[in-house]
Amino acid sequence: MSFPHGWYDDPQDLSQQRYWDGTAWTDHRRPRPGPPPYQGQFGQPQQTQPQQTQPQQAPQHYGQGQHYGQGQQYGQGQYYGQGYSPQAQGFGYRPAVPATPDGVPLSGWWKRVGARILDAIVVLIVSLPLTGYFWYHYFQAALDYEQGLLDRAVAGDTQFSFTLPWDVYKWALAVTLIALVVNFVYEVYFLTRSGATPGKQAVGISVRLRDVPGPPPLSAVLKRFGLYAGLSALGSIPTFGSLFGLLGLLNIVWPLWDQKKQALHDKVAATNVVLGPQPPR
C-alpha cells in the first residue's frame, strides 16, 4: 500500500514527526502534535527500531496499536480523524517552518534564486542557435558606438549623449524577444508536466498551487510567466525601463518578507514554491 505525502511519526524519534514526500522520507521534521505515543508497560513511550524505507514503500507501522491509513489509531482504540495536518484542531500546533495549508514546507529564497540562475543559463545555451546572429550584430554595434565616443573625445568634442543608438537597441530587442519565446516554451513544458524546471529540480524545489498539490495548471503557469517575463522585458525599454526594472527587482525579493513566501507572480497565480517534487496528477 502506498501512502500519500504528509507528516508521519518519525521512526527514529517518536517525539517528533517527519515529512514523507510520497516515495521516501525527507529531512524535514517538526514537533509531534497530538497525543503522546503509545505508553509501554512502565509508562515510557514504546520505542521501535528505525525503519530503512526504500522508494515506493510506505512508512512502516510504528509501535503497538499505531496504524496509518484512513485514520490513525493510538493505544487502545483511540482514533484521530484522517491523519494529522497543520490545521489539526485542539493541539495548539504551529508549523516549525513556513508551509502550504496541507503542510508541505516552502522553499527558501536562495534556492529560488539559484534555480532561476541555472534556468537562465540553460535557456541562454538552448537559444544560442537562434540568437547567435543577433548577439554578434549587437556587440558589433555597441563596440562601434564606443569607438565613436572615444574618437570624438580625442578630437575635443564633449557634446555627446550616452543614449545608445537605435542600431544597438534593435539587435538587443531581437535577442530579448527570441529568448522570451524560448523561455516561455521552457517554463510551460516543464512546470505543467512536473512542476519543476531543470534548475528547480537541481536544487530540490517545485511549483504547485498553494491549496492543491501536483503540477500547476496551464492557466497558473501563464499568469506566473506573464508577470515575471513582462517586467523583465519592459525593464529593457530605454528611459522608462528603469521603473519596470525596479518593479521586477521588487517581485524577486518579495518572498523575503512575505508571510506566505510568495513573489508577486506567485500571488497572481496563487502558487507556492515548495521543497521536494510534486506528485503526479
C-alpha atoms as a PDB file:
ATOM      1  CA  MET A   1       0.000   0.000   0.000  1.00  0.00           C
ATOM      2  CA  SER A   2       1.334   3.445  -0.933  1.00  0.00           C
ATOM      3  CA  PHE A   3       0.890   6.363   1.466  1.00  0.00           C
ATOM      4  CA  PRO A   4       0.265   9.962   0.339  1.00  0.00           C
ATOM      5  CA  HIS A   5       2.797  12.661   1.136  1.00  0.00           C
ATOM      6  CA  GLY A   6       2.394  14.247   4.550  1.00  0.00           C
ATOM      7  CA  TRP A   7       3.628  14.303   8.139  1.00  0.00           C
ATOM      8  CA  TYR A   8       4.041  10.952   9.971  1.00  0.00           C
ATOM      9  CA  ASP A   9       5.697   9.843  13.212  1.00  0.00           C
ATOM     10  CA  ASP A  10       9.470   9.837  12.853  1.00  0.00           C
ATOM     11  CA  PRO A  11      10.609   6.185  13.123  1.00  0.00           C
ATOM     12  CA  GLN A  12      13.863   7.394  14.726  1.00  0.00           C
ATOM     13  CA  ASP A  13      12.271   9.717  17.288  1.00  0.00           C
ATOM     14  CA  LEU A  14       8.642   9.259  18.337  1.00  0.00           C
ATOM     15  CA  SER A  15       8.573  12.692  19.975  1.00  0.00           C
ATOM     16  CA  GLN A  16       8.539  14.355  16.555  1.00  0.00           C
ATOM     17  CA  GLN A  17       7.174  13.904  13.051  1.00  0.00           C
ATOM     18  CA  ARG A  18       8.963  13.618   9.733  1.00  0.00           C
ATOM     19  CA  TYR A  19       7.753  14.572   6.248  1.00  0.00           C
ATOM     20  CA  TRP A  20       7.074  11.727   3.801  1.00  0.00           C
ATOM     21  CA  ASP A  21       7.092  13.012   0.163  1.00  0.00           C
ATOM     22  CA  GLY A  22       5.073  10.074  -1.170  1.00  0.00           C
ATOM     23  CA  THR A  23       8.079   7.889  -2.006  1.00  0.00           C
ATOM     24  CA  ALA A  24      10.733   8.472   0.675  1.00  0.00           C
ATOM     25  CA  TRP A  25      11.482  10.325   3.914  1.00  0.00           C
ATOM     26  CA  THR A  26      12.736  13.925   3.656  1.00  0.00           C
ATOM     27  CA  ASP A  27      14.944  15.793   6.141  1.00  0.00           C
ATOM     28  CA  HIS A  28      12.065  17.996   7.345  1.00  0.00           C
ATOM     29  CA  ARG A  29      10.952  17.374  10.917  1.00  0.00           C
ATOM     30  CA  ARG A  30       8.590  19.105  13.338  1.00  0.00           C
ATOM     31  CA  PRO A  31       7.411  18.674  16.941  1.00  0.00           C
ATOM     32  CA  ARG A  32       4.839  15.907  17.190  1.00  0.00           C
ATOM     33  CA  PRO A  33       1.288  17.300  17.573  1.00  0.00           C
ATOM     34  CA  GLY A  34      -1.476  15.365  19.222  1.00  0.00           C
ATOM     35  CA  PRO A  35      -1.428  12.759  21.986  1.00  0.00           C
ATOM     36  CA  PRO A  36       1.814  11.115  23.148  1.00  0.00           C
ATOM     37  CA  PRO A  37       2.988   7.865  21.576  1.00  0.00           C
ATOM     38  CA  TYR A  38       1.740   4.519  22.898  1.00  0.00           C
ATOM     39  CA  GLN A  39       2.732   4.107  26.537  1.00  0.00           C
ATOM     40  CA  GLY A  40       4.527   0.865  27.337  1.00  0.00           C
ATOM     41  CA  GLN A  41       4.278  -1.217  30.494  1.00  0.00           C
ATOM     42  CA  PHE A  42       6.259   1.235  32.645  1.00  0.00           C
ATOM     43  CA  GLY A  43       4.794   4.465  31.269  1.00  0.00           C
ATOM     44  CA  GLN A  44       7.627   5.046  28.774  1.00  0.00           C
ATOM     45  CA  PRO A  45       6.996   5.596  25.060  1.00  0.00           C
ATOM     46  CA  GLN A  46       7.104   2.316  23.175  1.00  0.00           C
ATOM     47  CA  GLN A  47      10.260   2.540  21.023  1.00  0.00           C
ATOM     48  CA  THR A  48      10.795   0.804  17.720  1.00  0.00           C
ATOM     49  CA  GLN A  49      13.814   0.146  15.604  1.00  0.00           C
ATOM     50  CA  PRO A  50      14.342   2.807  12.897  1.00  0.00           C
ATOM     51  CA  GLN A  51      12.945   1.682   9.565  1.00  0.00           C
ATOM     52  CA  GLN A  52      15.043   1.989   6.429  1.00  0.00           C
ATOM     53  CA  THR A  53      12.401   2.978   3.915  1.00  0.00           C
ATOM     54  CA  GLN A  54      13.032   2.311   0.231  1.00  0.00           C
ATOM     55  CA  PRO A  55      11.483   4.305  -2.641  1.00  0.00           C
ATOM     56  CA  GLN A  56       7.883   3.361  -3.476  1.00  0.00           C
ATOM     57  CA  GLN A  57       7.412   1.889   0.014  1.00  0.00           C
ATOM     58  CA  ALA A  58       5.067   3.351   2.565  1.00  0.00           C
ATOM     59  CA  PRO A  59       6.021   4.363   6.103  1.00  0.00           C
ATOM     60  CA  GLN A  60       6.144   1.324   8.341  1.00  0.00           C
ATOM     61  CA  HIS A  61       3.877   0.644  11.330  1.00  0.00           C
ATOM     62  CA  TYR A  62       5.296   2.176  14.482  1.00  0.00           C
ATOM     63  CA  GLY A  63       4.980   0.753  17.955  1.00  0.00           C
ATOM     64  CA  GLN A  64       1.940  -1.243  19.015  1.00  0.00           C
ATOM     65  CA  GLY A  65      -1.538  -0.184  18.071  1.00  0.00           C
ATOM     66  CA  GLN A  66      -0.348   2.609  15.715  1.00  0.00           C
ATOM     67  CA  HIS A  67      -1.588   2.372  12.149  1.00  0.00           C
ATOM     68  CA  TYR A  68      -1.597   4.819   9.295  1.00  0.00           C
ATOM     69  CA  GLY A  69      -4.290   4.739   6.704  1.00  0.00           C
ATOM     70  CA  GLN A  70      -7.615   6.452   6.545  1.00  0.00           C
ATOM     71  CA  GLY A  71      -7.377   7.046  10.274  1.00  0.00           C
ATOM     72  CA  GLN A  72      -4.717   6.856  12.976  1.00  0.00           C
ATOM     73  CA  GLN A  73      -5.026   4.550  15.978  1.00  0.00           C
ATOM     74  CA  TYR A  74      -3.091   5.090  19.190  1.00  0.00           C
ATOM     75  CA  GLY A  75      -3.075   2.708  22.131  1.00  0.00           C
ATOM     76  CA  GLN A  76      -6.387   1.118  22.915  1.00  0.00           C
ATOM     77  CA  GLY A  77      -8.904   2.138  20.290  1.00  0.00           C
ATOM     78  CA  GLN A  78      -8.114   5.863  20.115  1.00  0.00           C
ATOM     79  CA  TYR A  79      -8.602   7.260  16.617  1.00  0.00           C
ATOM     80  CA  TYR A  80      -7.801  10.732  15.373  1.00  0.00           C
ATOM     81  CA  GLY A  81      -9.600  11.695  12.147  1.00  0.00           C
ATOM     82  CA  GLN A  82      -7.981  11.353   8.729  1.00  0.00           C
ATOM     83  CA  GLY A  83      -4.403  11.895   9.825  1.00  0.00           C
ATOM     84  CA  TYR A  84      -2.532  14.942  11.038  1.00  0.00           C
ATOM     85  CA  SER A  85      -2.225  18.236   9.254  1.00  0.00           C
ATOM     86  CA  PRO A  86      -1.017  21.707  10.325  1.00  0.00           C
ATOM     87  CA  GLN A  87      -4.682  22.534  10.820  1.00  0.00           C
ATOM     88  CA  ALA A  88      -5.239  19.709  13.335  1.00  0.00           C
ATOM     89  CA  GLN A  89      -7.634  21.022  15.945  1.00  0.00           C
ATOM     90  CA  GLY A  90      -7.047  21.046  19.666  1.00  0.00           C
ATOM     91  CA  PHE A  91      -3.284  20.571  19.683  1.00  0.00           C
ATOM     92  CA  GLY A  92      -2.202  24.234  19.597  1.00  0.00           C
ATOM     93  CA  TYR A  93       0.333  23.408  16.889  1.00  0.00           C
ATOM     94  CA  ARG A  94       2.297  25.977  14.938  1.00  0.00           C
ATOM     95  CA  PRO A  95       4.404  24.825  11.941  1.00  0.00           C
ATOM     96  CA  ALA A  96       8.134  24.868  12.675  1.00  0.00           C
ATOM     97  CA  VAL A  97       8.774  26.090   9.107  1.00  0.00           C
ATOM     98  CA  PRO A  98       6.592  28.057   6.656  1.00  0.00           C
ATOM     99  CA  ALA A  99       4.379  25.612   4.782  1.00  0.00           C
ATOM    100  CA  THR A 100       1.377  25.293   2.486  1.00  0.00           C
ATOM    101  CA  PRO A 101      -2.040  24.773   4.111  1.00  0.00           C
ATOM    102  CA  ASP A 102      -1.580  20.993   3.801  1.00  0.00           C
ATOM    103  CA  GLY A 103       1.851  21.056   5.467  1.00  0.00           C
ATOM    104  CA  VAL A 104       4.379  20.986   2.601  1.00  0.00           C
ATOM    105  CA  PRO A 105       7.476  23.069   3.568  1.00  0.00           C
ATOM    106  CA  LEU A 106       8.088  26.169   1.438  1.00  0.00           C
ATOM    107  CA  SER A 107      11.320  26.824  -0.405  1.00  0.00           C
ATOM    108  CA  GLY A 108      13.849  29.280   0.919  1.00  0.00           C
ATOM    109  CA  TRP A 109      14.685  32.409  -1.075  1.00  0.00           C
ATOM    110  CA  TRP A 110      18.226  31.396  -2.002  1.00  0.00           C
ATOM    111  CA  LYS A 111      17.065  28.113  -3.515  1.00  0.00           C
ATOM    112  CA  ARG A 112      14.654  30.055  -5.710  1.00  0.00           C
ATOM    113  CA  VAL A 113      17.395  32.431  -6.840  1.00  0.00           C
ATOM    114  CA  GLY A 114      19.771  29.546  -7.528  1.00  0.00           C
ATOM    115  CA  ALA A 115      17.133  27.792  -9.621  1.00  0.00           C
ATOM    116  CA  ARG A 116      16.490  30.972 -11.637  1.00  0.00           C
ATOM    117  CA  ILE A 117      20.191  31.377 -12.379  1.00  0.00           C
ATOM    118  CA  LEU A 118      20.517  27.753 -13.502  1.00  0.00           C
ATOM    119  CA  ASP A 119      17.426  28.039 -15.695  1.00  0.00           C
ATOM    120  CA  ALA A 120      18.723  31.277 -17.241  1.00  0.00           C
ATOM    121  CA  ILE A 121      21.967  29.522 -18.182  1.00  0.00           C
ATOM    122  CA  VAL A 122      20.049  26.629 -19.741  1.00  0.00           C
ATOM    123  CA  VAL A 123      17.777  28.973 -21.731  1.00  0.00           C
ATOM    124  CA  LEU A 124      20.785  31.018 -22.905  1.00  0.00           C
ATOM    125  CA  ILE A 125      22.541  27.909 -24.210  1.00  0.00           C
ATOM    126  CA  VAL A 126      19.412  26.444 -25.811  1.00  0.00           C
ATOM    127  CA  SER A 127      18.541  29.720 -27.546  1.00  0.00           C
ATOM    128  CA  LEU A 128      22.050  30.449 -28.855  1.00  0.00           C
ATOM    129  CA  PRO A 129      21.439  28.818 -32.275  1.00  0.00           C
ATOM    130  CA  LEU A 130      18.552  31.272 -32.726  1.00  0.00           C
ATOM    131  CA  THR A 131      20.102  34.354 -31.107  1.00  0.00           C
ATOM    132  CA  GLY A 132      23.763  33.976 -32.121  1.00  0.00           C
ATOM    133  CA  TYR A 133      23.397  36.071 -35.279  1.00  0.00           C
ATOM    134  CA  PHE A 134      21.699  38.904 -33.361  1.00  0.00           C
ATOM    135  CA  TRP A 135      24.203  38.737 -30.486  1.00  0.00           C
ATOM    136  CA  TYR A 136      27.039  39.202 -32.988  1.00  0.00           C
ATOM    137  CA  HIS A 137      25.499  42.311 -34.532  1.00  0.00           C
ATOM    138  CA  TYR A 138      24.551  43.681 -31.103  1.00  0.00           C
ATOM    139  CA  PHE A 139      28.132  43.556 -29.823  1.00  0.00           C
ATOM    140  CA  GLN A 140      29.459  44.877 -33.111  1.00  0.00           C
ATOM    141  CA  ALA A 141      27.109  47.882 -32.980  1.00  0.00           C
ATOM    142  CA  ALA A 142      27.933  48.521 -29.306  1.00  0.00           C
ATOM    143  CA  LEU A 143      31.694  48.412 -29.959  1.00  0.00           C
ATOM    144  CA  ASP A 144      31.353  50.748 -32.945  1.00  0.00           C
ATOM    145  CA  TYR A 145      29.405  53.188 -30.768  1.00  0.00           C
ATOM    146  CA  GLU A 146      32.044  53.114 -28.024  1.00  0.00           C
ATOM    147  CA  GLN A 147      34.810  53.639 -30.557  1.00  0.00           C
ATOM    148  CA  GLY A 148      32.929  56.628 -31.953  1.00  0.00           C
ATOM    149  CA  LEU A 149      32.720  58.155 -28.483  1.00  0.00           C
ATOM    150  CA  LEU A 150      36.454  57.726 -27.946  1.00  0.00           C
ATOM    151  CA  ASP A 151      37.275  59.264 -31.318  1.00  0.00           C
ATOM    152  CA  ARG A 152      35.083  62.294 -30.602  1.00  0.00           C
ATOM    153  CA  ALA A 153      36.572  62.708 -27.125  1.00  0.00           C
ATOM    154  CA  VAL A 154      40.108  62.649 -28.553  1.00  0.00           C
ATOM    155  CA  ALA A 155      39.060  65.270 -31.090  1.00  0.00           C
ATOM    156  CA  GLY A 156      37.896  67.512 -28.231  1.00  0.00           C
ATOM    157  CA  ASP A 157      34.153  67.127 -28.817  1.00  0.00           C
ATOM    158  CA  THR A 158      32.463  66.871 -25.435  1.00  0.00           C
ATOM    159  CA  GLN A 159      28.890  67.435 -26.641  1.00  0.00           C
ATOM    160  CA  PHE A 160      27.583  63.934 -26.924  1.00  0.00           C
ATOM    161  CA  SER A 161      24.864  61.777 -25.386  1.00  0.00           C
ATOM    162  CA  PHE A 162      25.292  58.471 -23.624  1.00  0.00           C
ATOM    163  CA  THR A 163      21.992  57.165 -25.043  1.00  0.00           C
ATOM    164  CA  LEU A 164      22.684  54.169 -27.243  1.00  0.00           C
ATOM    165  CA  PRO A 165      21.753  54.492 -30.912  1.00  0.00           C
ATOM    166  CA  TRP A 166      18.868  52.523 -32.414  1.00  0.00           C
ATOM    167  CA  ASP A 167      21.304  50.183 -34.215  1.00  0.00           C
ATOM    168  CA  VAL A 168      22.262  48.798 -30.807  1.00  0.00           C
ATOM    169  CA  TYR A 169      18.743  48.580 -29.409  1.00  0.00           C
ATOM    170  CA  LYS A 170      17.238  46.815 -32.424  1.00  0.00           C
ATOM    171  CA  TRP A 171      19.654  43.864 -32.091  1.00  0.00           C
ATOM    172  CA  ALA A 172      19.139  43.722 -28.334  1.00  0.00           C
ATOM    173  CA  LEU A 173      15.370  43.741 -28.862  1.00  0.00           C
ATOM    174  CA  ALA A 174      15.605  40.807 -31.267  1.00  0.00           C
ATOM    175  CA  VAL A 175      17.667  38.819 -28.768  1.00  0.00           C
ATOM    176  CA  THR A 176      15.201  39.616 -25.973  1.00  0.00           C
ATOM    177  CA  LEU A 177      12.143  38.534 -27.977  1.00  0.00           C
ATOM    178  CA  ILE A 178      13.707  35.246 -29.109  1.00  0.00           C
ATOM    179  CA  ALA A 179      14.922  34.420 -25.602  1.00  0.00           C
ATOM    180  CA  LEU A 180      11.447  35.285 -24.281  1.00  0.00           C
ATOM    181  CA  VAL A 181       9.796  32.778 -26.630  1.00  0.00           C
ATOM    182  CA  VAL A 182      12.312  30.049 -25.747  1.00  0.00           C
ATOM    183  CA  ASN A 183      11.864  30.742 -22.025  1.00  0.00           C
ATOM    184  CA  PHE A 184       8.072  30.623 -22.413  1.00  0.00           C
ATOM    185  CA  VAL A 185       8.148  27.162 -24.014  1.00  0.00           C
ATOM    186  CA  TYR A 186      10.692  26.025 -21.420  1.00  0.00           C
ATOM    187  CA  GLU A 187       8.601  27.128 -18.421  1.00  0.00           C
ATOM    188  CA  VAL A 188       5.261  25.887 -19.750  1.00  0.00           C
ATOM    189  CA  TYR A 189       6.619  22.488 -20.776  1.00  0.00           C
ATOM    190  CA  PHE A 190       8.369  21.636 -17.522  1.00  0.00           C
ATOM    191  CA  LEU A 191       6.040  23.265 -14.985  1.00  0.00           C
ATOM    192  CA  THR A 192       2.837  21.770 -16.374  1.00  0.00           C
ATOM    193  CA  ARG A 193       4.424  18.304 -16.610  1.00  0.00           C
ATOM    194  CA  SER A 194       6.260  18.002 -13.298  1.00  0.00           C
ATOM    195  CA  GLY A 195       6.049  21.355 -11.506  1.00  0.00           C
ATOM    196  CA  ALA A 196       9.812  21.862 -11.785  1.00  0.00           C
ATOM    197  CA  THR A 197      12.183  23.155 -14.458  1.00  0.00           C
ATOM    198  CA  PRO A 198      15.665  21.584 -14.650  1.00  0.00           C
ATOM    199  CA  GLY A 199      17.002  24.411 -12.472  1.00  0.00           C
ATOM    200  CA  LYS A 200      14.380  23.787  -9.808  1.00  0.00           C
ATOM    201  CA  GLN A 201      14.950  20.031  -9.973  1.00  0.00           C
ATOM    202  CA  ALA A 202      18.682  20.609  -9.420  1.00  0.00           C
ATOM    203  CA  VAL A 203      18.101  22.466  -6.130  1.00  0.00           C
ATOM    204  CA  GLY A 204      15.182  20.274  -4.982  1.00  0.00           C
ATOM    205  CA  ILE A 205      12.191  22.603  -5.273  1.00  0.00           C
ATOM    206  CA  SER A 206       8.996  22.712  -7.335  1.00  0.00           C
ATOM    207  CA  VAL A 207       5.948  24.869  -8.089  1.00  0.00           C
ATOM    208  CA  ARG A 208       2.356  23.999  -7.139  1.00  0.00           C
ATOM    209  CA  LEU A 209      -0.919  25.730  -6.428  1.00  0.00           C
ATOM    210  CA  ARG A 210      -0.879  26.884  -2.821  1.00  0.00           C
ATOM    211  CA  ASP A 211      -4.009  24.891  -1.934  1.00  0.00           C
ATOM    212  CA  VAL A 212      -3.689  21.957  -4.360  1.00  0.00           C
ATOM    213  CA  PRO A 213      -0.700  19.572  -4.665  1.00  0.00           C
ATOM    214  CA  GLY A 214       0.606  18.483  -8.043  1.00  0.00           C
ATOM    215  CA  PRO A 215       1.985  20.319 -11.097  1.00  0.00           C
ATOM    216  CA  PRO A 216       0.278  23.702 -11.614  1.00  0.00           C
ATOM    217  CA  PRO A 217      -2.297  24.025 -14.419  1.00  0.00           C
ATOM    218  CA  LEU A 218      -1.521  25.901 -17.629  1.00  0.00           C
ATOM    219  CA  SER A 219      -3.515  28.958 -16.531  1.00  0.00           C
ATOM    220  CA  ALA A 220      -1.385  29.371 -13.390  1.00  0.00           C
ATOM    221  CA  VAL A 221       1.867  28.920 -15.329  1.00  0.00           C
ATOM    222  CA  LEU A 222       0.790  31.570 -17.860  1.00  0.00           C
ATOM    223  CA  LYS A 223      -0.003  34.049 -15.075  1.00  0.00           C
ATOM    224  CA  ARG A 224       3.345  33.441 -13.359  1.00  0.00           C
ATOM    225  CA  PHE A 225       5.307  33.741 -16.571  1.00  0.00           C
ATOM    226  CA  GLY A 226       3.340  36.731 -17.820  1.00  0.00           C
ATOM    227  CA  LEU A 227       4.138  38.910 -14.820  1.00  0.00           C
ATOM    228  CA  TYR A 228       7.739  37.794 -14.335  1.00  0.00           C
ATOM    229  CA  ALA A 229       8.754  37.931 -18.003  1.00  0.00           C
ATOM    230  CA  GLY A 230       6.689  41.046 -18.673  1.00  0.00           C
ATOM    231  CA  LEU A 231       8.530  43.055 -16.021  1.00  0.00           C
ATOM    232  CA  SER A 232      11.875  41.751 -17.299  1.00  0.00           C
ATOM    233  CA  ALA A 233      11.089  42.678 -20.899  1.00  0.00           C
ATOM    234  CA  LEU A 234       9.693  46.124 -20.042  1.00  0.00           C
ATOM    235  CA  GLY A 235      12.789  46.787 -17.947  1.00  0.00           C
ATOM    236  CA  SER A 236      14.881  46.824 -21.147  1.00  0.00           C
ATOM    237  CA  ILE A 237      12.934  49.767 -22.631  1.00  0.00           C
ATOM    238  CA  PRO A 238      15.057  52.945 -22.800  1.00  0.00           C
ATOM    239  CA  THR A 239      14.218  55.745 -20.350  1.00  0.00           C
ATOM    240  CA  PHE A 240      11.055  54.206 -18.832  1.00  0.00           C
ATOM    241  CA  GLY A 241      12.645  50.797 -18.359  1.00  0.00           C
ATOM    242  CA  SER A 242      14.207  51.747 -15.018  1.00  0.00           C
ATOM    243  CA  LEU A 243      10.763  51.920 -13.390  1.00  0.00           C
ATOM    244  CA  PHE A 244       9.828  48.437 -14.601  1.00  0.00           C
ATOM    245  CA  GLY A 245      13.290  47.253 -13.604  1.00  0.00           C
ATOM    246  CA  LEU A 246      12.599  48.327 -10.024  1.00  0.00           C
ATOM    247  CA  LEU A 247       9.241  46.523 -10.100  1.00  0.00           C
ATOM    248  CA  GLY A 248      10.992  43.414 -11.410  1.00  0.00           C
ATOM    249  CA  LEU A 249      13.505  43.595  -8.567  1.00  0.00           C
ATOM    250  CA  LEU A 250      10.677  44.062  -6.048  1.00  0.00           C
ATOM    251  CA  ASN A 251       8.988  40.969  -7.462  1.00  0.00           C
ATOM    252  CA  ILE A 252      12.146  38.914  -6.961  1.00  0.00           C
ATOM    253  CA  VAL A 253      12.792  39.968  -3.354  1.00  0.00           C
ATOM    254  CA  TRP A 254       9.143  39.968  -2.215  1.00  0.00           C
ATOM    255  CA  PRO A 255       9.293  36.412  -0.697  1.00  0.00           C
ATOM    256  CA  LEU A 256      11.910  37.631   1.795  1.00  0.00           C
ATOM    257  CA  TRP A 257       9.232  39.321   3.908  1.00  0.00           C
ATOM    258  CA  ASP A 258       6.010  37.790   2.623  1.00  0.00           C
ATOM    259  CA  GLN A 259       4.268  35.567   5.191  1.00  0.00           C
ATOM    260  CA  LYS A 260       3.365  33.002   2.524  1.00  0.00           C
ATOM    261  CA  LYS A 261       6.814  33.225   0.857  1.00  0.00           C
ATOM    262  CA  GLN A 262       5.182  34.243  -2.426  1.00  0.00           C
ATOM    263  CA  ALA A 263       6.679  36.507  -5.051  1.00  0.00           C
ATOM    264  CA  LEU A 264       4.279  38.864  -6.813  1.00  0.00           C
ATOM    265  CA  HIS A 265       3.982  36.430  -9.732  1.00  0.00           C
ATOM    266  CA  ASP A 266       3.099  33.696  -7.195  1.00  0.00           C
ATOM    267  CA  LYS A 267       0.317  35.845  -5.771  1.00  0.00           C
ATOM    268  CA  VAL A 268      -1.126  36.492  -9.233  1.00  0.00           C
ATOM    269  CA  ALA A 269      -1.163  32.744  -9.983  1.00  0.00           C
ATOM    270  CA  ALA A 270      -1.978  31.537  -6.419  1.00  0.00           C
ATOM    271  CA  THR A 271       1.130  29.340  -6.414  1.00  0.00           C
ATOM    272  CA  ASN A 272       3.896  28.472  -3.962  1.00  0.00           C
ATOM    273  CA  VAL A 273       7.424  27.216  -4.479  1.00  0.00           C
ATOM    274  CA  VAL A 274       7.909  24.240  -2.151  1.00  0.00           C
ATOM    275  CA  LEU A 275      10.613  21.792  -1.171  1.00  0.00           C
ATOM    276  CA  GLY A 276      10.586  18.452  -2.928  1.00  0.00           C
ATOM    277  CA  PRO A 277       8.924  17.150  -6.116  1.00  0.00           C
ATOM    278  CA  GLN A 278       5.248  17.239  -6.948  1.00  0.00           C
ATOM    279  CA  PRO A 279       3.130  14.070  -7.002  1.00  0.00           C
ATOM    280  CA  PRO A 280       1.664  13.297 -10.448  1.00  0.00           C
ATOM    281  CA  ARG A 281      -1.929  14.307 -11.079  1.00  0.00           C
END
